[in-house]
Protein backbone atom coordinates (compact mmCIF):
# COMPACT_ATOMS: atom_id res chain seq x y z
CA MET A 1 -21.89 13.89 20.40
CA VAL A 2 -18.75 12.00 20.31
CA THR A 3 -20.16 9.18 18.29
CA LYS A 4 -21.64 11.76 15.74
CA LEU A 5 -18.06 13.36 15.47
CA SER A 6 -16.47 10.21 14.96
CA TYR A 7 -18.87 9.35 12.26
CA PHE A 8 -18.17 12.52 10.38
CA LEU A 9 -14.63 12.07 10.58
CA LEU A 10 -14.97 8.57 9.40
CA VAL A 11 -16.97 9.75 6.39
CA LEU A 12 -14.31 12.28 5.77
CA LEU A 13 -11.64 9.87 6.16
CA ILE A 14 -13.41 7.24 3.69
CA VAL A 15 -13.93 9.84 0.88
CA LEU A 16 -10.40 11.15 1.21
CA LEU A 17 -8.77 7.69 1.50
CA PRO A 18 -6.72 8.23 -1.92
CA SER A 19 -5.50 11.67 -0.99
CA GLN A 20 -1.64 12.35 -0.53
CA LEU A 21 -2.12 15.78 0.98
CA SER A 22 0.59 15.86 3.53
CA PHE A 23 3.39 17.67 5.09
CA HIS A 24 6.85 16.33 4.67
CA PHE A 25 9.72 16.86 7.25
CA TRP A 26 13.10 16.97 5.95
CA PRO A 27 15.82 15.79 8.66
CA ALA A 28 19.49 15.42 8.03
CA TRP A 29 18.89 11.54 7.22
CA SER A 30 16.44 12.38 4.56
CA SER A 31 19.03 13.53 2.29
CA ILE A 32 21.69 11.50 0.58
CA SER A 33 24.31 12.69 -1.91
CA GLY A 34 22.46 15.84 -2.07
CA LEU A 35 19.06 14.41 -2.97
CA ARG A 36 16.13 14.49 -0.78
CA ILE A 37 14.56 10.94 -0.61
CA ASP A 38 10.85 10.89 -0.11
CA TYR A 39 10.93 7.34 1.58
CA LEU A 40 13.17 8.68 4.24
CA SER A 41 10.92 11.67 5.00
CA PRO A 42 8.84 11.64 8.04
CA THR A 43 5.27 12.64 6.69
CA ILE A 44 1.96 13.54 8.31
CA PHE A 45 -1.09 12.85 5.87
CA VAL A 46 -4.36 14.57 6.38
CA THR A 47 -6.04 10.93 6.76
CA ASP A 48 -3.38 10.34 9.55
CA LEU A 49 -4.77 13.51 11.35
CA LEU A 50 -8.34 12.21 10.70
CA MET A 51 -7.33 8.89 12.28
CA LEU A 52 -5.55 10.45 15.16
CA ALA A 53 -8.68 12.75 15.95
CA VAL A 54 -10.84 9.49 16.07
CA VAL A 55 -8.41 7.67 18.34
CA LEU A 56 -7.94 10.78 20.64
CA ILE A 57 -11.75 11.41 21.20
CA ASN A 58 -12.34 7.68 21.88
CA ILE A 59 -9.15 7.14 23.90
CA HIS A 60 -11.30 6.07 26.83
CA LYS A 61 -12.93 3.25 24.93
CA LEU A 62 -9.33 2.08 23.66
CA TYR A 63 -8.36 1.77 27.21
CA LEU A 64 -11.08 -0.32 28.03
CA MET A 65 -10.47 -2.42 25.08
CA TYR A 66 -6.80 -3.10 26.26
CA ARG A 67 -5.93 -6.75 26.89
CA LEU A 68 -2.72 -8.25 27.87
CA PRO A 69 -0.51 -9.45 25.12
CA THR A 70 -0.21 -13.19 24.20
CA ALA A 71 3.26 -14.91 24.31
CA LEU A 72 3.56 -14.71 20.25
CA GLU A 73 2.80 -10.89 20.51
CA LYS A 74 5.35 -10.27 23.31
CA LEU A 75 7.86 -12.11 21.28
CA ILE A 76 7.21 -9.67 18.26
CA LEU A 77 7.43 -6.91 20.56
CA VAL A 78 10.92 -7.61 21.60
CA PHE A 79 12.27 -8.05 17.89
CA VAL A 80 10.40 -4.60 17.41
CA VAL A 81 12.41 -2.88 20.07
CA LEU A 82 15.78 -4.45 18.94
CA ASN A 83 14.87 -3.40 15.17
CA ILE A 84 14.49 0.11 16.48
CA ILE A 85 17.57 -0.02 18.45
CA PHE A 86 19.83 -1.69 15.72
CA SER A 87 18.19 0.36 13.05
CA SER A 88 20.31 2.48 10.42
CA ILE A 89 17.93 5.40 11.16
CA PRO A 90 16.63 4.58 14.79
CA LEU A 91 14.44 7.85 15.11
CA PHE A 92 12.80 7.20 11.74
CA SER A 93 12.01 3.54 12.42
CA LEU A 94 10.55 4.57 15.66
CA TYR A 95 8.28 7.14 13.73
CA LYS A 96 7.21 4.13 11.60
CA TYR A 97 6.26 1.93 14.48
CA LEU A 98 4.63 5.03 16.09
CA LYS A 99 2.51 5.27 13.00
CA LEU A 100 1.74 1.80 12.63
CA LEU A 101 0.45 1.68 16.34
CA LEU A 102 -1.96 4.64 15.37
CA TYR A 103 -3.15 2.46 12.72
CA ILE A 104 -3.56 -0.56 14.81
CA SER A 105 -5.42 1.70 17.52
CA PHE A 106 -7.74 3.12 14.88
CA PHE A 107 -8.61 -0.05 13.46
CA VAL A 108 -8.96 -1.88 16.98
CA TYR A 109 -11.53 1.08 17.85
CA LEU A 110 -13.58 0.38 14.68
CA LYS A 111 -13.48 -3.25 15.06
CA ASN A 112 -15.21 -2.92 18.70
CA GLN A 113 -17.41 -0.10 17.95
CA LYS A 114 -20.99 -1.04 17.95
CA LYS A 115 -22.72 2.40 17.22
CA ILE A 116 -21.04 2.92 14.03
CA HIS A 117 -21.58 0.40 11.38
CA LEU A 118 -18.28 0.52 9.15
CA ALA A 119 -19.64 -1.69 6.55
CA SER A 120 -22.74 0.59 6.00
CA LEU A 121 -20.32 3.65 5.85
CA LEU A 122 -18.42 1.96 3.27
CA GLU A 123 -21.25 0.80 1.11
CA LYS A 124 -22.68 4.44 1.17
CA TYR A 125 -19.32 6.43 0.61
CA PHE A 126 -16.52 4.25 -0.80
CA PRO A 127 -18.07 4.16 -4.37
CA LEU A 128 -17.80 8.00 -4.23
CA THR A 129 -14.32 7.42 -3.21
CA LEU A 130 -13.48 5.30 -6.22
CA LEU A 131 -15.56 7.52 -8.56
CA TRP A 132 -13.41 10.80 -8.10
CA ILE A 133 -10.13 8.98 -8.13
CA ALA A 134 -10.98 7.19 -11.49
CA LEU A 135 -12.40 10.19 -13.00
CA LEU A 136 -9.26 12.05 -12.24
CA ALA A 137 -6.98 9.56 -13.46
CA LEU A 138 -9.01 9.36 -16.82
CA ALA A 139 -8.71 13.09 -17.17
CA GLN A 140 -4.85 12.92 -16.66
CA PHE A 141 -4.56 10.34 -19.24
CA LEU A 142 -6.74 12.21 -21.87
CA LEU A 143 -5.02 15.66 -21.13
CA LYS A 144 -1.43 14.00 -20.78
CA LYS A 145 -0.96 16.09 -17.67
CA SER A 146 -2.22 16.77 -14.42
CA LEU A 147 -5.24 19.22 -13.88
CA GLY A 148 -3.61 21.37 -11.48
CA GLY A 149 -5.74 24.45 -9.83
CA PRO A 150 -7.79 23.28 -6.55
CA LEU A 151 -6.80 19.69 -6.60
CA TRP A 152 -3.55 20.14 -4.89
CA ILE A 153 -5.98 20.05 -1.73
CA LEU A 154 -6.47 16.37 -2.60
CA GLY A 155 -2.74 15.98 -3.09
CA GLU A 156 -2.37 15.90 -7.11
CA ARG A 157 1.10 16.51 -8.07
CA PRO A 158 2.35 18.51 -10.98
CA LEU A 159 2.60 16.03 -14.03
CA SER A 160 3.50 16.40 -17.69
CA LEU A 161 5.11 14.51 -20.57
CA ASP A 162 7.92 16.88 -20.34
CA MET A 163 8.85 15.53 -16.97
CA PRO A 164 11.76 13.04 -17.33
CA LEU A 165 10.88 10.83 -14.30
CA VAL A 166 7.11 10.77 -15.03
CA ALA A 167 5.81 7.33 -16.18
CA LYS A 168 4.70 7.34 -19.83
CA VAL A 169 3.28 4.82 -22.42
CA SER A 170 3.39 4.93 -26.35
CA LEU A 171 0.08 3.75 -27.97
CA ASN A 172 1.66 3.42 -31.29
CA ASN A 173 -0.09 5.89 -33.98
CA LEU A 174 -1.83 7.56 -31.07
CA GLY A 175 1.37 9.09 -29.64
CA LEU A 176 2.68 9.26 -26.13
CA PHE A 177 0.50 9.46 -23.05
CA LEU A 178 0.79 10.01 -19.36
CA ARG A 179 0.23 6.87 -17.32
CA PRO A 180 -2.22 8.42 -14.73
CA TYR A 181 -1.33 8.85 -11.01
CA ALA A 182 -4.42 10.45 -9.86
CA THR A 183 -3.31 11.50 -6.29
CA LEU A 184 -1.14 8.45 -5.76
CA PRO A 185 2.62 8.31 -5.70
CA HIS A 186 2.85 6.05 -8.82
CA PRO A 187 0.67 4.50 -11.62
CA ASN A 188 1.34 1.00 -10.30
CA ALA A 189 0.04 2.24 -6.83
CA LEU A 190 -3.02 3.48 -8.65
CA ALA A 191 -3.83 0.46 -10.29
CA GLY A 192 -3.36 -1.56 -7.18
CA PHE A 193 -5.71 0.71 -5.20
CA LEU A 194 -8.40 0.84 -7.92
CA THR A 195 -8.25 -3.10 -8.47
CA LEU A 196 -8.65 -3.96 -4.74
CA GLY A 197 -11.32 -1.28 -4.35
CA VAL A 198 -13.26 -2.85 -7.26
CA LEU A 199 -12.62 -6.26 -5.83
CA ILE A 200 -13.99 -4.99 -2.22
CA GLN A 201 -17.19 -3.45 -4.06
CA LEU A 202 -17.95 -6.67 -5.88
CA LYS A 203 -17.31 -8.95 -2.73
CA TYR A 204 -19.32 -6.83 -0.18
CA PHE A 205 -21.50 -4.43 -1.79
CA PRO A 206 -24.44 -4.97 -4.07
CA LEU A 207 -24.30 -3.45 -7.48
CA LYS A 208 -26.40 -0.47 -7.52
CA LYS A 209 -26.22 2.34 -9.99
CA ASN A 210 -23.42 4.35 -7.99
CA THR A 211 -21.45 1.12 -7.44
CA GLN A 212 -21.78 0.14 -11.31
CA LEU A 213 -20.43 3.54 -12.57
CA SER A 214 -17.58 3.72 -9.83
CA THR A 215 -16.59 0.05 -10.87
CA ALA A 216 -16.65 0.75 -14.72
CA LEU A 217 -14.43 3.79 -14.40
CA SER A 218 -12.10 2.22 -11.95
CA VAL A 219 -11.67 -0.73 -14.12
CA ILE A 220 -10.91 1.49 -17.23
CA ALA A 221 -8.66 3.82 -15.10
CA ALA A 222 -6.50 0.72 -13.66
CA LEU A 223 -6.08 -0.55 -17.03
CA LEU A 224 -4.87 2.87 -18.34
CA ALA A 225 -2.23 2.86 -15.34
CA GLN A 226 -0.52 0.10 -17.44
CA SER A 227 0.43 -1.94 -14.44
CA ALA A 228 1.52 -5.47 -15.72
CA GLY A 229 1.96 -6.66 -12.39
CA THR A 230 -1.36 -5.67 -11.21
CA ILE A 231 -3.00 -7.64 -14.22
CA VAL A 232 -0.85 -10.74 -13.55
CA ALA A 233 -1.84 -10.54 -9.86
CA LEU A 234 -5.49 -10.34 -10.65
CA ILE A 235 -5.23 -13.44 -13.07
CA ILE A 236 -3.51 -15.43 -10.29
CA SER A 237 -5.86 -14.39 -7.37
CA SER A 238 -8.87 -15.27 -9.70
CA LEU A 239 -7.47 -18.62 -10.48
CA PHE A 240 -7.09 -19.14 -6.64
CA ALA A 241 -10.78 -18.01 -6.09
CA TYR A 242 -11.97 -20.69 -8.75
CA PHE A 243 -9.71 -23.46 -7.61
CA LYS A 244 -9.67 -24.99 -4.11
CA LYS A 245 -7.62 -28.13 -4.15
CA ILE A 246 -4.18 -27.65 -2.85
CA LYS A 247 -2.56 -29.54 -6.18
CA VAL A 248 -4.31 -27.31 -8.33
CA ARG A 249 -3.19 -24.32 -6.34
CA LEU A 250 0.51 -25.56 -6.66
CA ILE A 251 -0.20 -25.47 -10.49
CA VAL A 252 -1.18 -21.77 -10.07
CA LEU A 253 1.93 -20.81 -8.03
CA SER A 254 3.76 -22.50 -11.20
CA ILE A 255 1.85 -20.24 -13.56
CA LEU A 256 2.64 -17.15 -11.31
CA THR A 257 6.47 -18.26 -11.58
CA LEU A 258 6.14 -18.29 -15.43
CA SER A 259 4.14 -15.09 -15.55
CA LEU A 260 6.76 -13.17 -13.71
CA LEU A 261 9.32 -14.36 -16.39
CA VAL A 262 6.89 -13.29 -19.10
CA VAL A 263 6.59 -9.84 -17.56
CA ALA A 264 10.40 -9.67 -17.00
CA VAL A 265 10.76 -10.44 -20.76
CA HIS A 266 8.31 -8.00 -22.04
CA LYS A 267 9.61 -5.23 -19.78
CA PRO A 268 12.28 -2.87 -21.34
CA ALA A 269 15.69 -4.07 -20.50
CA ALA A 270 16.52 -1.14 -18.40
CA THR A 271 13.50 -1.71 -16.13
CA VAL A 272 14.55 -5.40 -15.68
CA THR A 273 18.17 -4.24 -14.96
CA ASP A 274 16.99 -1.73 -12.52
CA ARG A 275 14.72 -4.12 -10.63
CA LEU A 276 17.48 -6.89 -10.53
CA HIS A 277 19.90 -4.20 -9.04
CA LEU A 278 17.56 -3.33 -6.34
CA LEU A 279 16.65 -7.10 -5.61
CA ASN A 280 20.54 -7.85 -5.25
CA LYS A 281 20.79 -4.96 -2.93
CA GLY A 282 17.68 -6.47 -0.81
CA PHE A 283 19.37 -10.06 -0.72
CA SER A 284 22.61 -8.13 0.30
CA GLU A 285 21.20 -6.33 3.16
CA ILE A 286 19.54 -9.48 4.41
CA ALA A 287 22.89 -11.00 4.50
CA LYS A 288 24.63 -8.40 6.35
CA HIS A 289 21.69 -7.83 8.98
CA PRO A 290 20.11 -11.20 9.17
CA ILE A 291 18.85 -10.96 12.63
CA PHE A 292 17.60 -7.25 13.32
CA GLY A 293 17.40 -5.92 9.81
CA VAL A 294 18.39 -2.34 8.69
CA GLY A 295 15.38 -0.97 10.52
CA LEU A 296 11.84 -0.49 9.36
CA GLY A 297 11.64 2.18 6.63
CA SER A 298 15.30 2.44 6.29
CA PHE A 299 16.32 0.58 3.37
CA PRO A 300 16.87 3.45 0.86
CA VAL A 301 19.71 4.72 3.30
CA THR A 302 21.78 1.57 3.12
CA SER A 303 23.19 2.94 -0.21
CA ALA A 304 24.36 6.03 1.46
CA ASN A 305 27.97 5.32 0.85
CA THR A 306 27.73 4.54 -2.89
CA ASN A 307 28.60 8.23 -3.78
CA THR A 308 25.94 8.09 -6.43
CA ALA A 309 23.29 10.88 -7.25
CA SER A 310 20.95 8.08 -8.91
CA LEU A 311 17.54 8.20 -7.60
CA LEU A 312 17.51 4.30 -8.23
CA ASP A 313 19.93 3.56 -5.54
CA HIS A 314 17.79 4.97 -2.92
CA GLN A 315 14.45 3.29 -3.80
CA PRO A 316 12.95 0.45 -1.75
CA VAL A 317 13.35 -2.90 -3.46
CA HIS A 318 10.54 -3.94 -5.77
CA ASN A 319 9.66 -6.85 -4.06
CA LEU A 320 7.69 -6.50 -0.61
CA PRO A 321 8.93 -9.92 1.09
CA VAL A 322 12.61 -9.01 0.34
CA LEU A 323 12.08 -5.56 1.31
CA LEU A 324 10.39 -6.37 4.72
CA ALA A 325 13.01 -9.06 5.34
CA SER A 326 15.65 -6.84 4.86
CA GLU A 327 14.10 -4.04 6.89
CA ILE A 328 12.93 -6.10 10.08
CA GLY A 329 15.23 -8.99 9.99
CA ILE A 330 14.62 -12.81 9.29
CA PRO A 331 13.14 -13.75 12.71
CA LEU A 332 10.39 -11.16 12.86
CA PHE A 333 9.78 -11.81 9.25
CA LEU A 334 9.26 -15.46 9.84
CA LEU A 335 6.89 -14.74 12.75
CA LEU A 336 4.95 -12.52 10.43
CA VAL A 337 5.00 -15.27 7.71
CA VAL A 338 3.62 -17.96 10.21
CA TYR A 339 0.90 -15.69 11.44
CA LEU A 340 -0.33 -14.20 8.04
CA LEU A 341 0.30 -17.08 5.48
CA PRO A 342 -2.68 -19.24 6.30
CA LYS A 343 -4.94 -16.22 6.27
CA ILE A 344 -3.44 -14.97 2.87
CA THR A 345 -3.84 -18.13 1.05
CA SER A 346 -7.61 -18.49 2.13
CA ASP A 347 -8.62 -15.12 0.79
CA PRO A 348 -8.43 -14.50 -3.04
CA LEU A 349 -8.15 -10.70 -2.52
CA LEU A 350 -5.21 -11.18 -0.22
CA VAL A 351 -3.66 -13.45 -2.76
CA PHE A 352 -4.00 -10.49 -5.16
CA VAL A 353 -2.29 -8.11 -2.61
CA PHE A 354 0.53 -10.79 -1.96
CA THR A 355 1.15 -11.31 -5.66
CA SER A 356 1.21 -7.78 -6.75
CA SER A 357 3.75 -7.36 -3.93
CA LEU A 358 6.07 -9.58 -5.61
CA PHE A 359 6.42 -6.88 -8.40
CA ASP A 360 6.48 -3.63 -6.21
CA HIS A 361 6.52 -2.32 -2.68
CA TYR A 362 3.41 0.00 -2.49
CA TRP A 363 1.27 -1.99 -0.25
CA LEU A 364 3.94 -1.04 2.55
CA THR A 365 5.27 2.32 1.32
CA SER A 366 2.19 4.00 -0.28
CA HIS A 367 0.36 5.43 2.61
CA GLN A 368 -3.10 5.14 0.72
CA ASN A 369 -2.75 1.46 -0.54
CA PHE A 370 -1.72 0.52 3.13
CA LEU A 371 -4.90 2.32 4.59
CA LEU A 372 -7.10 0.66 1.81
CA LEU A 373 -5.64 -2.92 2.60
CA GLY A 374 -6.35 -2.12 6.33
CA PHE A 375 -9.96 -1.39 5.75
CA TYR A 376 -10.31 -4.51 3.73
CA ILE A 377 -8.94 -6.63 6.48
CA LEU A 378 -11.27 -5.04 9.05
CA ILE A 379 -14.37 -5.29 7.14
CA THR A 380 -13.35 -8.92 6.51
CA LYS A 381 -13.43 -9.43 10.23
CA LEU A 382 -16.64 -7.56 10.55
CA LYS A 383 -18.51 -9.52 7.77
CA SER A 384 -17.31 -12.80 9.28
CA PRO A 385 -19.97 -15.23 10.83
CA THR A 386 -17.82 -15.42 13.91
CA HIS A 387 -17.91 -11.77 14.74
CA GLU A 388 -19.93 -10.64 17.46
């Protein structure tokens, strides 16, 4: 009975993976200069509840899977505790780590679950996930607005060309179009989600009729999202997959640097200025809080004393390594680099994630992107020849 219920909840979770249906809490710290900041709002997603349900009904199995932490894990745990204590918003950082603990518990359960074959589940239902999110994105682009109606259940937000902060793109004589969001927080996050989803399908699942359709539509929708960072990251990761020698990969990294400059040059001047402003803030916070950081998730509050009503000043820096280093501190950041870097450079899909993270922060701050990345890492381990 428990296995059947877990199976059903997992199917539901896979299909609803891109959904942002959620409930936001708005404590005092989540408002700055009279503005409600989404990034500082504790949020419960419907997919969180599904994961929590799987963990709770299998808590006895997780207990049996428990093992003593290694020396490195103990050191990381010490810095995590210190990061919470010295956080600008200790309760919010604690919430972030508890949520991370939920994700870890959920994926540990799946990794050690023999009766539920995650790879088979993903092969069967993940094409449906990509299909509905790509169709929604295409419809938003063609209609130049959100579809509305019952789609709020999936987390679609109201969107139109009249809204000043909505991302738009001009296609010359064709006029102004809405960059599609689907049910993700931004078109860049949508492009990253769809691209990684397509890469997962191409790597692990055979191209059947359902995967061919979802792959084709996802590629089109990702291109319509107009994310330059995603395109550059895809080119770089493709070169990493093709070239194996270290010297050649160094050349690829040089190409990456040039690509970053090209993207910067072709971006509107205001966009470049805004991103440089946030990047400077990131380095400034690292200099002021080098050991323990400002607290996981707390970066947007560091400008609370600027007396400005600008939403820009309360966004995370659009560079994930800088954002993470500023939030968790240099020692914990370096521990993660030492642990993760060999894994990243050996996997072209993780190279794509890392490269795109140099342009944006959604792999950490977007719930949907973070979950998809977790599923990819897990299926990679399950497909590994060394996995028992």
